[in-house]
């Protein structure tokens, strides 16, 4: 649930960008950005509103661009998140830097 939903504000396409940030974070770390031991709903919502999540682990595995993309997508203020076009541009640039056979 995006921070603006917790605050009972309007749903926008930027809410989907926030969800994408969560998915990218989970793919990189194999855990939710806002997961915590013995978490209750109130503290979980507070973490989401405040964008309190651990940074991506060891930089040897992730580029600065991926870390930046996750940070931008998880901005708590929806107006500060990138547009879908911006995300596409960033992802295309990152893919180009990997080369054709990156695996």
C-alpha atoms as a PDB file:
ATOM      1  CA  UNK A   1       0.000   0.000   0.000  1.00  0.00           C
ATOM      2  CA  UNK A   2       1.529   3.276  -1.127  1.00  0.00           C
ATOM      3  CA  UNK A   3       1.977   6.038   1.473  1.00  0.00           C
ATOM      4  CA  UNK A   4      -0.731   8.174  -0.109  1.00  0.00           C
ATOM      5  CA  UNK A   5      -3.261   5.394   0.452  1.00  0.00           C
ATOM      6  CA  UNK A   6      -2.368   5.242   4.123  1.00  0.00           C
ATOM      7  CA  UNK A   7      -2.960   8.991   4.269  1.00  0.00           C
ATOM      8  CA  UNK A   8      -6.259   8.479   2.397  1.00  0.00           C
ATOM      9  CA  UNK A   9      -5.119  10.566  -0.543  1.00  0.00           C
ATOM     10  CA  UNK A  10      -5.910  10.011  -4.201  1.00  0.00           C
ATOM     11  CA  UNK A  11      -4.615   6.986  -6.103  1.00  0.00           C
ATOM     12  CA  UNK A  12      -2.454   7.950  -9.098  1.00  0.00           C
ATOM     13  CA  UNK A  13      -0.113   6.223 -11.511  1.00  0.00           C
ATOM     14  CA  UNK A  14       2.655   7.240  -9.100  1.00  0.00           C
ATOM     15  CA  UNK A  15       1.166   4.697  -6.683  1.00  0.00           C
ATOM     16  CA  UNK A  16       2.046   2.032  -9.248  1.00  0.00           C
ATOM     17  CA  UNK A  17       5.582   3.423  -9.437  1.00  0.00           C
ATOM     18  CA  UNK A  18       5.836   2.996  -5.657  1.00  0.00           C
ATOM     19  CA  UNK A  19       4.697  -0.621  -6.038  1.00  0.00           C
ATOM     20  CA  UNK A  20       7.346  -1.140  -8.722  1.00  0.00           C
ATOM     21  CA  UNK A  21       9.948   0.166  -6.268  1.00  0.00           C
ATOM     22  CA  UNK A  22       8.798  -2.434  -3.746  1.00  0.00           C
ATOM     23  CA  UNK A  23       9.044  -5.196  -6.353  1.00  0.00           C
ATOM     24  CA  UNK A  24      12.536  -4.118  -7.455  1.00  0.00           C
ATOM     25  CA  UNK A  25      13.651  -4.001  -3.826  1.00  0.00           C
ATOM     26  CA  UNK A  26      12.223  -7.471  -3.152  1.00  0.00           C
ATOM     27  CA  UNK A  27      13.887  -8.890  -6.264  1.00  0.00           C
ATOM     28  CA  UNK A  28      17.244  -7.481  -5.157  1.00  0.00           C
ATOM     29  CA  UNK A  29      17.026  -8.453  -1.486  1.00  0.00           C
ATOM     30  CA  UNK A  30      14.528 -11.337  -1.388  1.00  0.00           C
ATOM     31  CA  UNK A  31      12.539  -9.538   1.297  1.00  0.00           C
ATOM     32  CA  UNK A  32      10.011  -6.767   1.592  1.00  0.00           C
ATOM     33  CA  UNK A  33      11.460  -3.273   2.059  1.00  0.00           C
ATOM     34  CA  UNK A  34       9.249  -2.700   5.072  1.00  0.00           C
ATOM     35  CA  UNK A  35       9.432  -6.123   6.714  1.00  0.00           C
ATOM     36  CA  UNK A  36      10.215  -6.295  10.400  1.00  0.00           C
ATOM     37  CA  UNK A  37      10.207  -8.864  13.147  1.00  0.00           C
ATOM     38  CA  UNK A  38       7.027  -8.832  15.224  1.00  0.00           C
ATOM     39  CA  UNK A  39       5.621  -6.132  12.960  1.00  0.00           C
ATOM     40  CA  UNK A  40       2.203  -4.717  13.724  1.00  0.00           C
ATOM     41  CA  UNK A  41       0.071  -2.845  11.220  1.00  0.00           C
ATOM     42  CA  UNK A  42       0.611   0.531  12.871  1.00  0.00           C
ATOM     43  CA  UNK A  43       4.418   0.320  12.810  1.00  0.00           C
ATOM     44  CA  UNK A  44       4.332  -1.064   9.262  1.00  0.00           C
ATOM     45  CA  UNK A  45       2.260   1.899   8.067  1.00  0.00           C
ATOM     46  CA  UNK A  46       4.628   4.288   9.840  1.00  0.00           C
ATOM     47  CA  UNK A  47       7.637   2.729   8.070  1.00  0.00           C
ATOM     48  CA  UNK A  48       5.869   3.084   4.733  1.00  0.00           C
ATOM     49  CA  UNK A  49       4.921   6.731   5.366  1.00  0.00           C
ATOM     50  CA  UNK A  50       8.485   7.552   6.442  1.00  0.00           C
ATOM     51  CA  UNK A  51      10.162   5.420   3.744  1.00  0.00           C
ATOM     52  CA  UNK A  52      12.133   3.542   6.409  1.00  0.00           C
ATOM     53  CA  UNK A  53      13.775   0.569   4.749  1.00  0.00           C
ATOM     54  CA  UNK A  54      17.294  -0.887   4.779  1.00  0.00           C
ATOM     55  CA  UNK A  55      19.553   0.033   1.859  1.00  0.00           C
ATOM     56  CA  UNK A  56      20.273  -2.529  -0.822  1.00  0.00           C
ATOM     57  CA  UNK A  57      22.983  -4.912   0.407  1.00  0.00           C
ATOM     58  CA  UNK A  58      26.625  -5.043  -0.706  1.00  0.00           C
ATOM     59  CA  UNK A  59      27.164  -2.821  -3.717  1.00  0.00           C
ATOM     60  CA  UNK A  60      29.209  -5.461  -5.561  1.00  0.00           C
ATOM     61  CA  UNK A  61      25.964  -6.924  -6.865  1.00  0.00           C
ATOM     62  CA  UNK A  62      23.926  -3.802  -7.676  1.00  0.00           C
ATOM     63  CA  UNK A  63      24.654  -0.702  -9.676  1.00  0.00           C
ATOM     64  CA  UNK A  64      24.301   2.809  -8.349  1.00  0.00           C
ATOM     65  CA  UNK A  65      21.603   3.303 -10.987  1.00  0.00           C
ATOM     66  CA  UNK A  66      19.481   0.457  -9.594  1.00  0.00           C
ATOM     67  CA  UNK A  67      19.849   1.794  -6.076  1.00  0.00           C
ATOM     68  CA  UNK A  68      18.827   5.258  -7.288  1.00  0.00           C
ATOM     69  CA  UNK A  69      15.826   3.870  -9.173  1.00  0.00           C
ATOM     70  CA  UNK A  70      14.599   2.040  -6.064  1.00  0.00           C
ATOM     71  CA  UNK A  71      15.071   5.170  -3.936  1.00  0.00           C
ATOM     72  CA  UNK A  72      13.186   7.328  -6.430  1.00  0.00           C
ATOM     73  CA  UNK A  73      10.318   4.865  -6.768  1.00  0.00           C
ATOM     74  CA  UNK A  74       9.960   4.560  -2.981  1.00  0.00           C
ATOM     75  CA  UNK A  75       9.748   8.302  -2.341  1.00  0.00           C
ATOM     76  CA  UNK A  76       6.995   8.806   0.250  1.00  0.00           C
ATOM     77  CA  UNK A  77       5.655  11.913  -1.540  1.00  0.00           C
ATOM     78  CA  UNK A  78       4.109  10.710  -4.794  1.00  0.00           C
ATOM     79  CA  UNK A  79       4.893  13.928  -6.674  1.00  0.00           C
ATOM     80  CA  UNK A  80       8.609  13.246  -6.124  1.00  0.00           C
ATOM     81  CA  UNK A  81       8.486   9.805  -7.791  1.00  0.00           C
ATOM     82  CA  UNK A  82       9.518   9.373 -11.414  1.00  0.00           C
ATOM     83  CA  UNK A  83       6.954   8.919 -14.162  1.00  0.00           C
ATOM     84  CA  UNK A  84       6.608   5.623 -16.016  1.00  0.00           C
ATOM     85  CA  UNK A  85       8.460   7.230 -18.933  1.00  0.00           C
ATOM     86  CA  UNK A  86      11.317   8.216 -16.605  1.00  0.00           C
ATOM     87  CA  UNK A  87      11.485   4.679 -15.191  1.00  0.00           C
ATOM     88  CA  UNK A  88      11.577   3.272 -18.726  1.00  0.00           C
ATOM     89  CA  UNK A  89      14.436   5.612 -19.671  1.00  0.00           C
ATOM     90  CA  UNK A  90      16.425   4.652 -16.578  1.00  0.00           C
ATOM     91  CA  UNK A  91      15.823   0.931 -17.115  1.00  0.00           C
ATOM     92  CA  UNK A  92      16.793   1.157 -20.792  1.00  0.00           C
ATOM     93  CA  UNK A  93      20.011   2.943 -19.873  1.00  0.00           C
ATOM     94  CA  UNK A  94      20.839   0.304 -17.241  1.00  0.00           C
ATOM     95  CA  UNK A  95      20.119  -2.533 -19.674  1.00  0.00           C
ATOM     96  CA  UNK A  96      22.397  -0.949 -22.266  1.00  0.00           C
ATOM     97  CA  UNK A  97      25.223  -0.818 -19.741  1.00  0.00           C
ATOM     98  CA  UNK A  98      24.910  -4.532 -19.015  1.00  0.00           C
ATOM     99  CA  UNK A  99      25.732  -5.533 -22.549  1.00  0.00           C
ATOM    100  CA  UNK A 100      24.029  -8.198 -24.579  1.00  0.00           C
ATOM    101  CA  UNK A 101      25.107 -11.290 -22.614  1.00  0.00           C
ATOM    102  CA  UNK A 102      25.335 -10.102 -19.026  1.00  0.00           C
ATOM    103  CA  UNK A 103      24.687 -13.482 -17.454  1.00  0.00           C
END
